[in-house]
Amino acid sequence: MSVLIIVFLTAVIALFSGVLEQGKFARYIGILGLIIALFVSFMPENAFFEQYRNMYDYSANAALFTKIALVTTLLLFFLGGFAFSNHRSHQSELYALMMFALCGGIILFGYQNMVTLFLGIEILSIPLYVMAGANKTDLRSNEASIKYFLMGAFATGFLLFGIAFIYGSTGSFDLYKIHDFGLANPTNVMFILGVLLILCALAFKVALAPFHMWSPDVYYGAPSLITAFMASVVKISGFFALFRLMTIAFAGVTHEWINVLGVFLIITLLLANVMGLAQTNAKRMLAYSSVSHAGYIGLVFFGVTSLSAYNLAFYLFAYSLSTVGVFMCLIWVEKLKRETSFGAFKGLAKSEPLLATVAAISMLSMAGVPLTAGFMGKFALFSQAINGAAFLVLIAVLGSAVSIAYYLRLIIAMFFFKESSFKSSEKVTLTYNIVAVVIILSIMILGIFPDVFGKQFGL
């Protein structure tokens, strides 16, 4: 709760820095606020907030996911100076909106109540609708914004309708009371309808097929840093919210929704990886890769154990690091070349070896190559799910194999062209190099010593 308040106040201060014509400081304010929030997140919760326990509980899992989200957002803020350099006029708003969205995410990590869930999802989504359209002069960005807004409004309708059904049948918004009702009446039709509607709404938020239609267009149209934010922080929040809801509130009727989710995952894994192969643009390819990762992460619902939340956290952290790593490279290339097709990356390794390396290692980690964090994450999820759904794991492994093909296209473009298509005059800033080194080291260390993750985040 104290973390939430710090992030919120930082966002407000960053917003007002723009009013006072000091928009260029918004980023530093944001970085400072996030570092303080990260520091506070390691401390035990203030006793004053005990009275809100029935709405928001800062449990150990909530703390773990809050730290992951803060670290990811912090990395993105470090990239902001270069990424938003053509948004001079409204930089402060973009940083403030990112932090407001993060507030929504933090609410989703600890909600105890359906109303808090709804609040969290709305606070997370509304800034995103604005940020997706931040390139006002770019038609694709406008399209992304309106598409996301309309589809998001639909999903919100599903969510509220589902919550209404749940409330109508149980008479309570509290997760644990809903859980007890589900155990007592596992065949209540109204209740199950509510569960399925909410599942559809949240599947939309985390871009599980067949509710992923918005994501390639939105990811492609939005400014690249915002896309990275959507692919990492929003995915972390959405998935943990879904996980909490399904394993606490709806655990009593698991047999009703688990098969529906299984079908979603099969469609997601097959469709996203095949579509990823067909892309000629790196940014769209990463959008489909993001959808396919929703499919792998969804395996966490099968064969749930006491370690499931930890496995989920590990995978999401590894995936977020990789996302930031690839998007760093993408932002830089897009800034110089004004496009993100595979051809734009030709010979990047010649002029910017570090950027090309961080993108390559990140993509290998996404594909689940051993000695990377992504491999350990996939391994944990697959070995958990193989007890519950061996068939799904088989499809996921096939999906991973296919995904290597489209990641390699980008790696080949960067490394295997003799002459660089980049001018030697533009060099990557120091901040970028530092972030790149941090990401490379994190991915490698987590891939070789996965236990470091638990120690790092104070478990």
Protein backbone atom coordinates (compact mmCIF):
# COMPACT_ATOMS: atom_id res chain seq x y z
CA MET A 1 0.00 0.00 0.00
CA SER A 2 2.83 2.40 0.82
CA VAL A 3 4.49 1.47 -2.49
CA LEU A 4 1.23 2.31 -4.26
CA ILE A 5 1.07 5.72 -2.59
CA ILE A 6 4.72 6.51 -3.43
CA VAL A 7 4.27 5.57 -7.11
CA PHE A 8 1.06 7.60 -7.29
CA LEU A 9 2.62 10.71 -5.73
CA THR A 10 5.66 10.41 -8.02
CA ALA A 11 3.31 10.29 -11.00
CA VAL A 12 1.49 13.42 -9.82
CA ILE A 13 4.77 15.31 -9.30
CA ALA A 14 6.03 14.20 -12.73
CA LEU A 15 2.76 15.40 -14.28
CA PHE A 16 3.08 18.83 -12.67
CA SER A 17 6.71 19.17 -13.74
CA GLY A 18 5.28 19.50 -17.25
CA VAL A 19 2.98 22.34 -16.16
CA LEU A 20 5.99 24.26 -14.86
CA GLU A 21 7.79 23.87 -18.22
CA GLN A 22 10.26 21.45 -16.63
CA GLY A 23 9.08 18.37 -18.54
CA LYS A 24 12.63 17.18 -19.09
CA PHE A 25 12.92 16.46 -15.36
CA ALA A 26 9.85 14.21 -15.33
CA ARG A 27 12.00 11.20 -16.16
CA TYR A 28 14.45 11.84 -13.32
CA ILE A 29 11.56 12.38 -10.90
CA GLY A 30 10.09 9.09 -12.08
CA ILE A 31 13.35 7.18 -11.70
CA LEU A 32 13.87 8.60 -8.20
CA GLY A 33 10.31 7.76 -7.15
CA LEU A 34 10.56 4.21 -8.51
CA ILE A 35 13.85 3.61 -6.70
CA ILE A 36 12.30 4.80 -3.42
CA ALA A 37 9.25 2.60 -4.08
CA LEU A 38 11.51 -0.37 -4.76
CA PHE A 39 13.37 0.28 -1.51
CA VAL A 40 10.08 0.50 0.44
CA SER A 41 8.73 -2.67 -1.20
CA PHE A 42 11.33 -4.71 0.71
CA MET A 43 10.05 -3.43 4.05
CA PRO A 44 7.15 -4.97 5.99
CA GLU A 45 3.78 -3.29 5.45
CA ASN A 46 2.95 -0.30 7.62
CA ALA A 47 0.54 -1.25 10.47
CA PHE A 48 -1.73 1.67 9.55
CA PHE A 49 -2.90 -0.15 6.40
CA GLU A 50 -4.14 -3.23 8.33
CA GLN A 51 -7.65 -1.76 8.24
CA TYR A 52 -7.77 -2.15 4.44
CA ARG A 53 -6.82 -5.82 4.51
CA ASN A 54 -10.19 -7.00 3.23
CA MET A 55 -9.71 -4.92 0.06
CA TYR A 56 -5.97 -4.99 -0.55
CA ASP A 57 -3.47 -7.34 1.06
CA TYR A 58 0.26 -6.82 0.51
CA SER A 59 1.14 -10.52 0.85
CA ALA A 60 4.51 -12.12 0.07
CA ASN A 61 3.41 -12.91 -3.48
CA ALA A 62 2.07 -9.39 -4.00
CA ALA A 63 5.41 -8.04 -2.77
CA LEU A 64 7.34 -10.28 -5.15
CA PHE A 65 5.32 -9.23 -8.20
CA THR A 66 5.40 -5.57 -7.15
CA LYS A 67 9.20 -5.70 -7.11
CA ILE A 68 9.33 -7.31 -10.55
CA ALA A 69 6.99 -4.66 -12.01
CA LEU A 70 8.99 -1.83 -10.41
CA VAL A 71 12.31 -3.16 -11.72
CA THR A 72 10.90 -3.53 -15.25
CA THR A 73 9.39 -0.05 -15.24
CA LEU A 74 12.66 1.37 -13.92
CA LEU A 75 14.60 -0.19 -16.81
CA LEU A 76 12.11 1.28 -19.28
CA PHE A 77 12.45 4.73 -17.68
CA PHE A 78 16.21 4.59 -18.19
CA LEU A 79 15.56 4.04 -21.91
CA GLY A 80 13.05 6.90 -22.03
CA GLY A 81 15.47 9.76 -22.56
CA PHE A 82 16.34 8.51 -26.03
CA ALA A 83 13.03 6.86 -26.89
CA PHE A 84 10.90 9.94 -26.18
CA SER A 85 13.35 12.51 -27.55
CA ASN A 86 10.88 13.43 -30.31
CA HIS A 87 8.06 13.82 -27.74
CA ARG A 88 9.73 16.87 -26.26
CA SER A 89 6.47 18.74 -25.75
CA HIS A 90 4.64 16.10 -23.73
CA GLN A 91 7.29 13.94 -22.13
CA SER A 92 6.06 14.51 -18.59
CA GLU A 93 2.56 13.22 -19.41
CA LEU A 94 3.94 10.00 -20.87
CA TYR A 95 6.04 9.23 -17.79
CA ALA A 96 3.18 10.15 -15.47
CA LEU A 97 0.75 7.94 -17.40
CA MET A 98 3.20 5.04 -17.25
CA MET A 99 3.33 5.39 -13.47
CA PHE A 100 -0.45 5.68 -13.19
CA ALA A 101 -0.74 2.44 -15.17
CA LEU A 102 1.82 0.89 -12.81
CA CYS A 103 -0.44 1.92 -9.88
CA GLY A 104 -3.23 -0.12 -11.44
CA GLY A 105 -0.81 -3.03 -11.79
CA ILE A 106 0.20 -2.83 -8.13
CA ILE A 107 -3.48 -2.92 -7.12
CA LEU A 108 -3.88 -6.09 -9.20
CA PHE A 109 -1.11 -7.82 -7.24
CA GLY A 110 -2.88 -7.63 -3.91
CA TYR A 111 -6.63 -7.33 -4.48
CA GLN A 112 -8.89 -9.27 -2.11
CA ASN A 113 -12.14 -8.17 -3.62
CA MET A 114 -13.83 -8.05 -7.02
CA VAL A 115 -14.28 -4.27 -6.80
CA THR A 116 -10.55 -3.78 -6.24
CA LEU A 117 -9.89 -6.08 -9.21
CA PHE A 118 -12.09 -3.93 -11.42
CA LEU A 119 -10.45 -0.73 -10.18
CA GLY A 120 -6.98 -2.13 -10.79
CA ILE A 121 -7.81 -3.21 -14.33
CA GLU A 122 -9.33 0.16 -15.22
CA ILE A 123 -6.47 2.16 -13.70
CA LEU A 124 -4.07 -0.06 -15.64
CA SER A 125 -5.95 0.23 -18.96
CA ILE A 126 -7.06 3.83 -19.26
CA PRO A 127 -3.54 5.36 -19.33
CA LEU A 128 -2.63 2.73 -21.93
CA TYR A 129 -5.39 3.87 -24.28
CA VAL A 130 -3.88 7.36 -24.14
CA MET A 131 -0.25 6.22 -24.41
CA ALA A 132 -0.93 3.99 -27.43
CA GLY A 133 -1.95 7.13 -29.33
CA ALA A 134 0.95 9.25 -28.11
CA ASN A 135 2.37 9.77 -31.63
CA LYS A 136 -0.41 12.15 -32.56
CA THR A 137 0.85 12.73 -36.10
CA ASP A 138 1.20 9.03 -36.87
CA LEU A 139 -1.93 7.38 -38.26
CA ARG A 140 -0.87 3.95 -37.03
CA SER A 141 -0.61 5.27 -33.50
CA ASN A 142 -4.10 6.79 -33.71
CA GLU A 143 -5.42 3.50 -35.04
CA ALA A 144 -3.74 1.63 -32.18
CA SER A 145 -5.34 3.91 -29.63
CA ILE A 146 -8.90 3.71 -30.97
CA LYS A 147 -8.68 -0.06 -31.54
CA TYR A 148 -7.39 -0.69 -28.05
CA PHE A 149 -10.00 1.63 -26.57
CA LEU A 150 -12.98 0.03 -28.32
CA MET A 151 -11.84 -3.54 -27.70
CA GLY A 152 -10.94 -2.66 -24.11
CA ALA A 153 -14.40 -1.22 -23.52
CA PHE A 154 -15.87 -4.52 -24.74
CA ALA A 155 -13.65 -6.51 -22.41
CA THR A 156 -14.59 -4.28 -19.49
CA GLY A 157 -18.24 -4.96 -20.28
CA PHE A 158 -17.59 -8.70 -20.12
CA LEU A 159 -15.74 -8.28 -16.84
CA LEU A 160 -18.52 -6.26 -15.20
CA PHE A 161 -21.19 -8.61 -16.50
CA GLY A 162 -19.25 -11.53 -15.07
CA ILE A 163 -18.79 -9.80 -11.72
CA ALA A 164 -22.53 -9.06 -11.67
CA PHE A 165 -23.28 -12.76 -12.19
CA ILE A 166 -20.83 -13.75 -9.48
CA TYR A 167 -22.29 -11.21 -7.06
CA GLY A 168 -25.80 -12.25 -7.97
CA SER A 169 -25.13 -15.89 -7.14
CA THR A 170 -22.80 -15.51 -4.13
CA GLY A 171 -23.93 -12.20 -2.63
CA SER A 172 -20.32 -11.21 -2.00
CA PHE A 173 -17.37 -9.56 -3.72
CA ASP A 174 -14.81 -11.12 -1.38
CA LEU A 175 -12.48 -13.66 -3.05
CA TYR A 176 -12.52 -16.10 -0.14
CA LYS A 177 -16.31 -16.01 0.27
CA ILE A 178 -16.64 -16.63 -3.48
CA HIS A 179 -14.23 -19.54 -3.07
CA ASP A 180 -16.37 -21.08 -0.32
CA PHE A 181 -19.52 -20.65 -2.42
CA GLY A 182 -17.85 -22.36 -5.39
CA LEU A 183 -16.87 -25.34 -3.25
CA ALA A 184 -20.39 -25.63 -1.86
CA ASN A 185 -22.28 -25.18 -5.16
CA PRO A 186 -20.01 -26.34 -7.99
CA THR A 187 -22.90 -26.65 -10.45
CA ASN A 188 -24.57 -23.24 -10.04
CA VAL A 189 -25.16 -22.14 -13.66
CA MET A 190 -25.15 -18.41 -12.95
CA PHE A 191 -21.88 -18.69 -11.06
CA ILE A 192 -20.17 -20.66 -13.83
CA LEU A 193 -21.41 -18.16 -16.44
CA GLY A 194 -19.85 -15.38 -14.40
CA VAL A 195 -16.57 -17.28 -14.14
CA LEU A 196 -16.40 -17.82 -17.91
CA LEU A 197 -17.24 -14.19 -18.69
CA ILE A 198 -14.51 -12.96 -16.35
CA LEU A 199 -12.07 -15.48 -17.84
CA CYS A 200 -12.78 -14.06 -21.31
CA ALA A 201 -12.31 -10.48 -20.12
CA LEU A 202 -8.96 -11.24 -18.50
CA ALA A 203 -7.85 -13.37 -21.45
CA PHE A 204 -8.37 -10.22 -23.49
CA LYS A 205 -6.17 -8.21 -21.11
CA VAL A 206 -3.26 -10.66 -21.37
CA ALA A 207 -3.82 -11.22 -25.11
CA LEU A 208 -4.65 -14.92 -25.14
CA ALA A 209 -6.03 -16.00 -28.51
CA PRO A 210 -8.87 -15.80 -29.65
CA PHE A 211 -8.94 -12.46 -27.78
CA HIS A 212 -5.59 -11.28 -29.10
CA MET A 213 -6.83 -9.54 -32.27
CA TRP A 214 -6.01 -6.09 -30.91
CA SER A 215 -2.45 -6.80 -29.83
CA PRO A 216 -0.45 -6.93 -33.10
CA ASP A 217 -1.99 -3.69 -34.35
CA VAL A 218 -1.73 -1.91 -31.02
CA TYR A 219 1.84 -3.08 -30.39
CA TYR A 220 2.81 -2.04 -33.90
CA GLY A 221 1.16 1.38 -33.77
CA ALA A 222 2.11 2.49 -30.26
CA PRO A 223 5.47 4.19 -29.59
CA SER A 224 8.06 1.45 -29.06
CA LEU A 225 8.76 2.22 -25.40
CA ILE A 226 5.03 2.05 -24.65
CA THR A 227 4.86 -1.26 -26.54
CA ALA A 228 7.64 -2.59 -24.34
CA PHE A 229 5.68 -1.42 -21.29
CA MET A 230 2.53 -3.17 -22.52
CA ALA A 231 4.38 -6.36 -23.34
CA SER A 232 6.10 -6.54 -19.95
CA VAL A 233 4.45 -4.71 -17.05
CA VAL A 234 0.88 -5.06 -18.29
CA LYS A 235 1.42 -8.76 -18.94
CA ILE A 236 2.84 -9.26 -15.43
CA SER A 237 -0.15 -7.51 -13.87
CA GLY A 238 -2.77 -9.20 -16.02
CA PHE A 239 -1.39 -12.68 -15.49
CA PHE A 240 -1.00 -12.45 -11.75
CA ALA A 241 -4.51 -10.99 -11.47
CA LEU A 242 -5.84 -13.91 -13.52
CA PHE A 243 -3.79 -16.38 -11.46
CA ARG A 244 -5.06 -15.01 -8.13
CA LEU A 245 -8.64 -14.99 -9.32
CA MET A 246 -8.60 -18.50 -10.76
CA THR A 247 -6.63 -20.21 -7.98
CA ILE A 248 -8.33 -18.45 -5.04
CA ALA A 249 -11.85 -17.36 -5.96
CA PHE A 250 -12.72 -19.93 -8.63
CA ALA A 251 -10.72 -22.89 -7.33
CA GLY A 252 -13.95 -24.65 -6.42
CA VAL A 253 -15.13 -24.84 -10.03
CA THR A 254 -11.75 -25.54 -11.65
CA HIS A 255 -13.21 -28.38 -13.74
CA GLU A 256 -15.53 -25.87 -15.44
CA TRP A 257 -12.96 -23.33 -16.64
CA ILE A 258 -9.74 -25.32 -16.97
CA ASN A 259 -10.75 -26.95 -20.28
CA VAL A 260 -11.85 -23.62 -21.75
CA LEU A 261 -8.48 -22.16 -20.79
CA GLY A 262 -6.76 -25.20 -22.30
CA VAL A 263 -8.49 -24.53 -25.63
CA PHE A 264 -7.41 -20.87 -25.48
CA LEU A 265 -3.82 -21.94 -24.89
CA ILE A 266 -3.78 -24.42 -27.79
CA ILE A 267 -5.15 -21.76 -30.17
CA THR A 268 -2.68 -19.20 -28.82
CA LEU A 269 0.40 -21.41 -29.09
CA LEU A 270 -0.35 -22.60 -32.60
CA LEU A 271 -1.71 -19.38 -34.08
CA ALA A 272 0.79 -16.90 -32.62
CA ASN A 273 3.88 -18.90 -33.57
CA VAL A 274 2.67 -19.56 -37.12
CA MET A 275 1.67 -15.91 -37.56
CA GLY A 276 5.05 -14.85 -36.17
CA LEU A 277 6.74 -16.74 -39.00
CA ALA A 278 4.76 -14.78 -41.58
CA GLN A 279 5.82 -11.33 -40.38
CA THR A 280 8.26 -9.13 -42.30
CA ASN A 281 8.39 -6.45 -39.63
CA ALA A 282 10.35 -6.92 -36.43
CA LYS A 283 7.88 -5.01 -34.26
CA ARG A 284 4.88 -7.02 -35.46
CA MET A 285 6.91 -10.19 -35.04
CA LEU A 286 7.56 -9.22 -31.40
CA ALA A 287 3.84 -8.56 -30.95
CA TYR A 288 3.03 -12.12 -32.05
CA SER A 289 5.87 -13.41 -29.90
CA SER A 290 4.26 -11.62 -26.96
CA VAL A 291 0.95 -13.37 -27.70
CA SER A 292 2.70 -16.74 -27.88
CA HIS A 293 4.33 -16.10 -24.48
CA ALA A 294 0.86 -15.62 -23.03
CA GLY A 295 0.31 -19.20 -24.16
CA TYR A 296 3.38 -20.53 -22.33
CA ILE A 297 2.59 -18.57 -19.17
CA GLY A 298 -0.95 -19.96 -19.20
CA LEU A 299 0.48 -23.40 -18.46
CA VAL A 300 0.86 -22.24 -14.85
CA PHE A 301 -2.83 -23.05 -14.28
CA PHE A 302 -2.27 -26.77 -14.91
CA GLY A 303 -1.00 -28.93 -12.07
CA VAL A 304 -0.96 -25.99 -9.63
CA THR A 305 1.42 -26.50 -6.69
CA SER A 306 2.59 -24.26 -3.85
CA LEU A 307 5.48 -23.16 -6.11
CA SER A 308 3.24 -22.06 -8.98
CA ALA A 309 3.22 -18.37 -8.07
CA TYR A 310 7.01 -18.40 -7.82
CA ASN A 311 7.36 -20.14 -11.21
CA LEU A 312 5.00 -17.58 -12.69
CA ALA A 313 7.06 -14.73 -11.20
CA PHE A 314 10.30 -16.20 -12.48
CA TYR A 315 8.98 -16.67 -15.99
CA LEU A 316 7.43 -13.21 -16.13
CA PHE A 317 10.63 -11.60 -14.87
CA ALA A 318 12.78 -13.47 -17.38
CA TYR A 319 10.33 -12.57 -20.14
CA SER A 320 10.21 -8.89 -19.13
CA LEU A 321 14.01 -8.62 -19.11
CA SER A 322 14.09 -10.12 -22.61
CA THR A 323 11.34 -7.80 -23.80
CA VAL A 324 13.23 -4.74 -22.58
CA GLY A 325 16.41 -6.12 -24.18
CA VAL A 326 14.88 -6.55 -27.63
CA PHE A 327 12.95 -3.29 -27.53
CA MET A 328 16.09 -1.34 -26.61
CA CYS A 329 17.58 -2.42 -29.89
CA LEU A 330 14.32 -1.83 -31.75
CA ILE A 331 13.91 1.71 -30.35
CA TRP A 332 17.43 2.62 -31.46
CA VAL A 333 17.04 1.22 -34.97
CA GLU A 334 13.59 2.76 -35.37
CA LYS A 335 14.94 6.16 -34.34
CA LEU A 336 17.71 6.04 -36.99
CA LYS A 337 15.90 4.24 -39.80
CA ARG A 338 12.30 5.39 -39.19
CA GLU A 339 11.15 1.79 -39.77
CA THR A 340 11.36 -1.62 -38.12
CA SER A 341 11.40 -4.13 -40.96
CA PHE A 342 13.96 -6.95 -40.71
CA GLY A 343 16.00 -5.19 -43.40
CA ALA A 344 16.45 -2.16 -41.14
CA PHE A 345 18.54 -4.26 -38.75
CA LYS A 346 21.08 -5.36 -41.37
CA GLY A 347 24.64 -5.29 -40.08
CA LEU A 348 23.76 -3.79 -36.71
CA ALA A 349 26.39 -5.94 -35.00
CA LYS A 350 29.13 -4.17 -36.97
CA SER A 351 28.32 -0.69 -35.73
CA GLU A 352 26.68 -1.47 -32.35
CA PRO A 353 27.89 -4.86 -31.12
CA LEU A 354 26.49 -4.45 -27.60
CA LEU A 355 22.95 -3.59 -28.75
CA ALA A 356 22.92 -6.46 -31.21
CA THR A 357 24.19 -8.84 -28.51
CA VAL A 358 21.59 -7.83 -25.95
CA ALA A 359 18.81 -8.26 -28.55
CA ALA A 360 20.17 -11.65 -29.63
CA ILE A 361 20.54 -12.97 -26.08
CA SER A 362 17.08 -11.67 -25.19
CA MET A 363 15.52 -13.43 -28.16
CA LEU A 364 17.35 -16.67 -27.41
CA SER A 365 16.01 -16.38 -23.88
CA MET A 366 12.48 -15.86 -25.24
CA ALA A 367 12.90 -18.93 -27.43
CA GLY A 368 14.02 -20.91 -24.36
CA VAL A 369 17.61 -21.76 -25.30
CA PRO A 370 19.53 -23.35 -22.38
CA LEU A 371 21.79 -21.14 -20.21
CA THR A 372 19.28 -18.30 -20.46
CA ALA A 373 16.67 -17.22 -17.92
CA GLY A 374 13.87 -18.01 -20.40
CA PHE A 375 14.92 -21.65 -20.48
CA MET A 376 14.75 -22.01 -16.69
CA GLY A 377 11.38 -20.27 -16.68
CA LYS A 378 9.94 -22.52 -19.37
CA PHE A 379 11.46 -25.58 -17.72
CA ALA A 380 9.76 -24.79 -14.39
CA LEU A 381 6.38 -24.15 -16.01
CA PHE A 382 6.54 -27.18 -18.32
CA SER A 383 7.62 -29.58 -15.57
CA GLN A 384 4.75 -28.33 -13.40
CA ALA A 385 2.15 -28.60 -16.17
CA ILE A 386 3.27 -32.00 -17.46
CA ASN A 387 1.48 -33.66 -14.51
CA GLY A 388 -1.79 -31.92 -15.40
CA ALA A 389 -1.70 -31.50 -19.16
CA ALA A 390 1.04 -33.35 -21.02
CA PHE A 391 -0.62 -32.67 -24.38
CA LEU A 392 -0.45 -28.89 -23.82
CA VAL A 393 3.21 -29.11 -22.89
CA LEU A 394 3.87 -30.98 -26.13
CA ILE A 395 2.20 -28.19 -28.13
CA ALA A 396 4.13 -25.57 -26.14
CA VAL A 397 7.44 -27.29 -26.91
CA LEU A 398 6.53 -27.40 -30.61
CA GLY A 399 5.60 -23.72 -30.41
CA SER A 400 9.00 -22.91 -28.86
CA ALA A 401 10.71 -24.77 -31.67
CA VAL A 402 8.81 -22.78 -34.30
CA SER A 403 9.52 -19.51 -32.48
CA ILE A 404 13.28 -20.03 -32.78
CA ALA A 405 12.85 -19.67 -36.56
CA TYR A 406 11.44 -16.14 -36.46
CA TYR A 407 13.81 -14.96 -33.73
CA LEU A 408 16.72 -16.23 -35.82
CA ARG A 409 15.63 -14.13 -38.80
CA LEU A 410 16.30 -11.00 -36.79
CA ILE A 411 19.57 -12.35 -35.34
CA ILE A 412 20.79 -13.29 -38.85
CA ALA A 413 19.93 -9.82 -40.13
CA MET A 414 21.94 -8.22 -37.32
CA PHE A 415 25.03 -10.44 -37.34
CA PHE A 416 25.51 -12.02 -40.76
CA PHE A 417 25.74 -9.04 -43.09
CA LYS A 418 29.20 -7.88 -44.05
CA GLU A 419 28.62 -4.15 -44.38
CA SER A 420 26.76 -2.20 -41.76
CA SER A 421 23.86 -0.12 -43.02
CA PHE A 422 24.35 2.31 -40.10
CA LYS A 423 26.38 5.49 -40.19
CA SER A 424 29.28 5.57 -37.77
CA SER A 425 28.36 9.05 -36.53
CA GLU A 426 25.47 7.92 -34.31
CA LYS A 427 26.58 6.08 -31.20
CA VAL A 428 24.44 4.55 -28.49
CA THR A 429 24.28 6.57 -25.27
CA LEU A 430 26.02 5.44 -22.09
CA THR A 431 22.70 4.77 -20.35
CA TYR A 432 21.76 2.30 -23.06
CA ASN A 433 25.07 0.49 -22.78
CA ILE A 434 24.69 0.19 -19.00
CA VAL A 435 21.11 -1.14 -19.28
CA ALA A 436 22.27 -3.56 -22.00
CA VAL A 437 25.03 -4.95 -19.79
CA VAL A 438 22.61 -5.27 -16.84
CA ILE A 439 20.11 -7.19 -18.99
CA ILE A 440 22.73 -9.52 -20.51
CA LEU A 441 24.15 -10.32 -17.06
CA SER A 442 20.69 -10.82 -15.51
CA ILE A 443 19.56 -13.19 -18.24
CA MET A 444 22.74 -15.24 -18.11
CA ILE A 445 22.98 -15.36 -14.30
CA LEU A 446 19.31 -16.33 -13.89
CA GLY A 447 19.81 -18.97 -16.57
CA ILE A 448 22.78 -20.55 -14.79
CA PHE A 449 21.82 -19.92 -11.13
CA PRO A 450 18.02 -19.62 -11.07
CA ASP A 451 18.01 -19.56 -7.24
CA VAL A 452 19.54 -16.07 -7.31
CA PHE A 453 16.07 -14.79 -8.24
CA GLY A 454 14.53 -15.85 -4.92
CA LYS A 455 17.39 -14.40 -2.91
CA GLN A 456 17.37 -11.18 -4.87
CA PHE A 457 13.73 -10.45 -4.22
CA GLY A 458 13.94 -11.38 -0.57
CA LEU A 459 12.19 -14.74 -0.44
